[in-house]
Amino acid sequence: MKKRLVIIVCILAAGMFIFRTQRPYKDLAPSDITSATVHLSPPDKTIQITETEIEGLVPYLKEITIYHKDDSYYEYNGQAVTFTLSMTDGSKETIVAYAPFVVIDGTGYKAKYAPCEGLNNYANKLLHAQR
């Protein structure tokens, strides 16, 4: 009986590890960001994000949900949007949305599709507003 209990506990612990999700920007506030840009590829265009647009960006970033490290995003085709954030503490964050992946400071993660797609749509709205 103890052996079965140990096996069940191990399986549950492994399942929690495998299916663990994280929201790395859930506590982010617009005031944490001093400046931001987004680079869309294609069309190979970089846009400076205004203070008002940063307030619109933060809710999308807060929804990013990552599952596990995964560098297979190299095998995908499509548009990538790269947000570069300068933070109030002097650090920089680089976030690439490439649904269903997100790359944070060079590390790729399998991610929830909808938040990645939301970031992509937001970047494209900024691009079209510039025209």
C-alpha atoms as a PDB file:
ATOM      1  CA  MET A   1       0.000   0.000   0.000  1.00  0.00           C
ATOM      2  CA  LYS A   2       2.812   2.434   0.880  1.00  0.00           C
ATOM      3  CA  LYS A   3       4.488   1.624  -2.422  1.00  0.00           C
ATOM      4  CA  ARG A   4       1.320   2.548  -4.347  1.00  0.00           C
ATOM      5  CA  LEU A   5       0.987   5.778  -2.401  1.00  0.00           C
ATOM      6  CA  VAL A   6       4.598   6.714  -3.193  1.00  0.00           C
ATOM      7  CA  ILE A   7       4.030   5.956  -6.887  1.00  0.00           C
ATOM      8  CA  ILE A   8       0.844   8.048  -6.969  1.00  0.00           C
ATOM      9  CA  VAL A   9       2.579  10.973  -5.243  1.00  0.00           C
ATOM     10  CA  CYS A  10       5.474  10.769  -7.730  1.00  0.00           C
ATOM     11  CA  ILE A  11       3.103  10.733 -10.698  1.00  0.00           C
ATOM     12  CA  LEU A  12       1.186  13.730  -9.352  1.00  0.00           C
ATOM     13  CA  ALA A  13       4.419  15.637  -8.670  1.00  0.00           C
ATOM     14  CA  ALA A  14       5.696  14.876 -12.175  1.00  0.00           C
ATOM     15  CA  GLY A  15       2.393  16.006 -13.664  1.00  0.00           C
ATOM     16  CA  MET A  16       2.510  19.277 -11.748  1.00  0.00           C
ATOM     17  CA  PHE A  17       6.059  19.869 -12.997  1.00  0.00           C
ATOM     18  CA  ILE A  18       5.218  19.053 -16.605  1.00  0.00           C
ATOM     19  CA  PHE A  19       2.024  21.117 -16.735  1.00  0.00           C
ATOM     20  CA  ARG A  20       3.200  23.984 -14.587  1.00  0.00           C
ATOM     21  CA  THR A  21       2.413  27.369 -16.098  1.00  0.00           C
ATOM     22  CA  GLN A  22       3.886  30.715 -15.309  1.00  0.00           C
ATOM     23  CA  ARG A  23       2.842  34.268 -16.046  1.00  0.00           C
ATOM     24  CA  PRO A  24       6.174  36.127 -15.929  1.00  0.00           C
ATOM     25  CA  TYR A  25       4.632  39.597 -16.363  1.00  0.00           C
ATOM     26  CA  LYS A  26       1.497  39.212 -14.233  1.00  0.00           C
ATOM     27  CA  ASP A  27       2.651  41.938 -11.813  1.00  0.00           C
ATOM     28  CA  LEU A  28       3.948  44.351 -14.473  1.00  0.00           C
ATOM     29  CA  ALA A  29       2.672  47.928 -14.308  1.00  0.00           C
ATOM     30  CA  PRO A  30       3.001  50.623 -16.978  1.00  0.00           C
ATOM     31  CA  SER A  31       5.064  52.643 -14.485  1.00  0.00           C
ATOM     32  CA  ASP A  32       7.695  49.850 -14.521  1.00  0.00           C
ATOM     33  CA  ILE A  33       8.523  50.703 -18.159  1.00  0.00           C
ATOM     34  CA  THR A  34      10.413  53.874 -19.110  1.00  0.00           C
ATOM     35  CA  SER A  35      10.357  53.246 -22.885  1.00  0.00           C
ATOM     36  CA  ALA A  36       9.489  50.537 -25.383  1.00  0.00           C
ATOM     37  CA  THR A  37       9.829  49.640 -29.042  1.00  0.00           C
ATOM     38  CA  VAL A  38       8.386  46.899 -31.198  1.00  0.00           C
ATOM     39  CA  HIS A  39      10.033  45.374 -34.252  1.00  0.00           C
ATOM     40  CA  LEU A  40       7.800  43.545 -36.717  1.00  0.00           C
ATOM     41  CA  SER A  41       9.369  40.966 -39.026  1.00  0.00           C
ATOM     42  CA  PRO A  42       8.097  40.970 -41.682  1.00  0.00           C
ATOM     43  CA  PRO A  43       7.902  43.856 -42.716  1.00  0.00           C
ATOM     44  CA  ASP A  44      11.201  44.648 -40.904  1.00  0.00           C
ATOM     45  CA  LYS A  45       9.826  47.789 -39.257  1.00  0.00           C
ATOM     46  CA  THR A  46      10.570  49.196 -35.784  1.00  0.00           C
ATOM     47  CA  ILE A  47       8.122  51.456 -33.961  1.00  0.00           C
ATOM     48  CA  GLN A  48       8.712  53.574 -30.866  1.00  0.00           C
ATOM     49  CA  ILE A  49       5.852  52.934 -28.439  1.00  0.00           C
ATOM     50  CA  THR A  50       4.420  56.038 -26.767  1.00  0.00           C
ATOM     51  CA  GLU A  51       3.579  56.296 -23.066  1.00  0.00           C
ATOM     52  CA  THR A  52      -0.128  55.914 -23.833  1.00  0.00           C
ATOM     53  CA  GLU A  53       0.578  52.866 -26.006  1.00  0.00           C
ATOM     54  CA  ILE A  54       2.651  51.332 -23.175  1.00  0.00           C
ATOM     55  CA  GLU A  55      -0.494  51.468 -21.045  1.00  0.00           C
ATOM     56  CA  GLY A  56      -2.240  49.513 -23.810  1.00  0.00           C
ATOM     57  CA  LEU A  57       0.654  47.038 -24.132  1.00  0.00           C
ATOM     58  CA  VAL A  58       0.915  46.038 -20.458  1.00  0.00           C
ATOM     59  CA  PRO A  59      -2.411  44.129 -20.291  1.00  0.00           C
ATOM     60  CA  TYR A  60      -1.227  41.941 -23.190  1.00  0.00           C
ATOM     61  CA  LEU A  61       2.103  41.268 -21.476  1.00  0.00           C
ATOM     62  CA  LYS A  62       0.356  40.411 -18.212  1.00  0.00           C
ATOM     63  CA  GLU A  63      -1.539  37.623 -19.996  1.00  0.00           C
ATOM     64  CA  ILE A  64       1.564  35.855 -21.373  1.00  0.00           C
ATOM     65  CA  THR A  65       1.458  32.309 -20.072  1.00  0.00           C
ATOM     66  CA  ILE A  66       4.484  30.056 -20.551  1.00  0.00           C
ATOM     67  CA  TYR A  67       4.550  26.283 -20.127  1.00  0.00           C
ATOM     68  CA  HIS A  68       8.109  25.037 -20.597  1.00  0.00           C
ATOM     69  CA  LYS A  69      11.338  25.862 -22.403  1.00  0.00           C
ATOM     70  CA  ASP A  70      11.090  25.035 -26.095  1.00  0.00           C
ATOM     71  CA  ASP A  71      13.396  26.231 -28.852  1.00  0.00           C
ATOM     72  CA  SER A  72      11.442  24.609 -31.679  1.00  0.00           C
ATOM     73  CA  TYR A  73      10.076  28.045 -32.628  1.00  0.00           C
ATOM     74  CA  TYR A  74      12.982  28.123 -35.110  1.00  0.00           C
ATOM     75  CA  GLU A  75      11.010  25.616 -37.190  1.00  0.00           C
ATOM     76  CA  TYR A  76       7.987  27.915 -37.605  1.00  0.00           C
ATOM     77  CA  ASN A  77       7.267  30.483 -40.302  1.00  0.00           C
ATOM     78  CA  GLY A  78       5.283  33.643 -39.830  1.00  0.00           C
ATOM     79  CA  GLN A  79       5.508  37.064 -38.325  1.00  0.00           C
ATOM     80  CA  ALA A  80       7.495  37.658 -35.168  1.00  0.00           C
ATOM     81  CA  VAL A  81       7.045  40.787 -33.093  1.00  0.00           C
ATOM     82  CA  THR A  82       9.867  41.792 -30.773  1.00  0.00           C
ATOM     83  CA  PHE A  83       9.122  44.129 -27.900  1.00  0.00           C
ATOM     84  CA  THR A  84      12.124  45.768 -26.231  1.00  0.00           C
ATOM     85  CA  LEU A  85      11.315  47.279 -22.859  1.00  0.00           C
ATOM     86  CA  SER A  86      13.560  49.635 -20.900  1.00  0.00           C
ATOM     87  CA  MET A  87      12.636  49.207 -17.265  1.00  0.00           C
ATOM     88  CA  THR A  88      12.749  51.760 -14.441  1.00  0.00           C
ATOM     89  CA  ASP A  89      15.437  49.687 -12.676  1.00  0.00           C
ATOM     90  CA  GLY A  90      17.754  50.178 -15.685  1.00  0.00           C
ATOM     91  CA  SER A  91      17.330  46.673 -17.109  1.00  0.00           C
ATOM     92  CA  LYS A  92      16.078  45.763 -20.593  1.00  0.00           C
ATOM     93  CA  GLU A  93      13.633  43.013 -21.467  1.00  0.00           C
ATOM     94  CA  THR A  94      13.231  41.535 -24.923  1.00  0.00           C
ATOM     95  CA  ILE A  95      10.010  39.657 -25.595  1.00  0.00           C
ATOM     96  CA  VAL A  96       9.371  37.979 -28.931  1.00  0.00           C
ATOM     97  CA  ALA A  97       5.797  36.864 -29.587  1.00  0.00           C
ATOM     98  CA  TYR A  98       5.707  34.098 -32.164  1.00  0.00           C
ATOM     99  CA  ALA A  99       2.513  32.146 -31.483  1.00  0.00           C
ATOM    100  CA  PRO A 100       2.450  29.592 -29.920  1.00  0.00           C
ATOM    101  CA  PHE A 101       5.867  30.565 -28.580  1.00  0.00           C
ATOM    102  CA  VAL A 102       7.329  33.448 -26.657  1.00  0.00           C
ATOM    103  CA  VAL A 103      11.036  34.186 -26.391  1.00  0.00           C
ATOM    104  CA  ILE A 104      12.053  36.128 -23.288  1.00  0.00           C
ATOM    105  CA  ASP A 105      15.598  37.498 -23.269  1.00  0.00           C
ATOM    106  CA  GLY A 106      16.728  34.798 -25.704  1.00  0.00           C
ATOM    107  CA  THR A 107      15.047  31.808 -24.029  1.00  0.00           C
ATOM    108  CA  GLY A 108      12.193  30.206 -25.954  1.00  0.00           C
ATOM    109  CA  TYR A 109       9.065  28.871 -24.274  1.00  0.00           C
ATOM    110  CA  LYS A 110       5.978  27.075 -25.445  1.00  0.00           C
ATOM    111  CA  ALA A 111       3.209  29.497 -24.556  1.00  0.00           C
ATOM    112  CA  LYS A 112      -0.523  29.906 -24.507  1.00  0.00           C
ATOM    113  CA  TYR A 113      -1.579  30.815 -28.039  1.00  0.00           C
ATOM    114  CA  ALA A 114      -4.105  33.610 -27.414  1.00  0.00           C
ATOM    115  CA  PRO A 115      -1.808  36.010 -25.487  1.00  0.00           C
ATOM    116  CA  CYS A 116       0.922  35.611 -28.131  1.00  0.00           C
ATOM    117  CA  GLU A 117      -1.574  36.298 -30.881  1.00  0.00           C
ATOM    118  CA  GLY A 118      -2.865  39.297 -28.911  1.00  0.00           C
ATOM    119  CA  LEU A 119       0.653  40.785 -28.789  1.00  0.00           C
ATOM    120  CA  ASN A 120       1.036  40.179 -32.507  1.00  0.00           C
ATOM    121  CA  ASN A 121      -2.280  41.895 -33.249  1.00  0.00           C
ATOM    122  CA  TYR A 122      -1.386  44.810 -30.973  1.00  0.00           C
ATOM    123  CA  ALA A 123       1.934  45.317 -32.781  1.00  0.00           C
ATOM    124  CA  ASN A 124       0.189  45.280 -36.149  1.00  0.00           C
ATOM    125  CA  LYS A 125      -2.346  47.870 -34.926  1.00  0.00           C
ATOM    126  CA  LEU A 126       0.586  50.106 -33.979  1.00  0.00           C
ATOM    127  CA  LEU A 127       2.096  49.570 -37.437  1.00  0.00           C
ATOM    128  CA  HIS A 128      -1.138  50.453 -39.227  1.00  0.00           C
ATOM    129  CA  ALA A 129      -1.672  53.519 -37.019  1.00  0.00           C
ATOM    130  CA  GLN A 130       1.689  54.860 -38.255  1.00  0.00           C
ATOM    131  CA  ARG A 131       0.599  54.800 -41.897  1.00  0.00           C
END
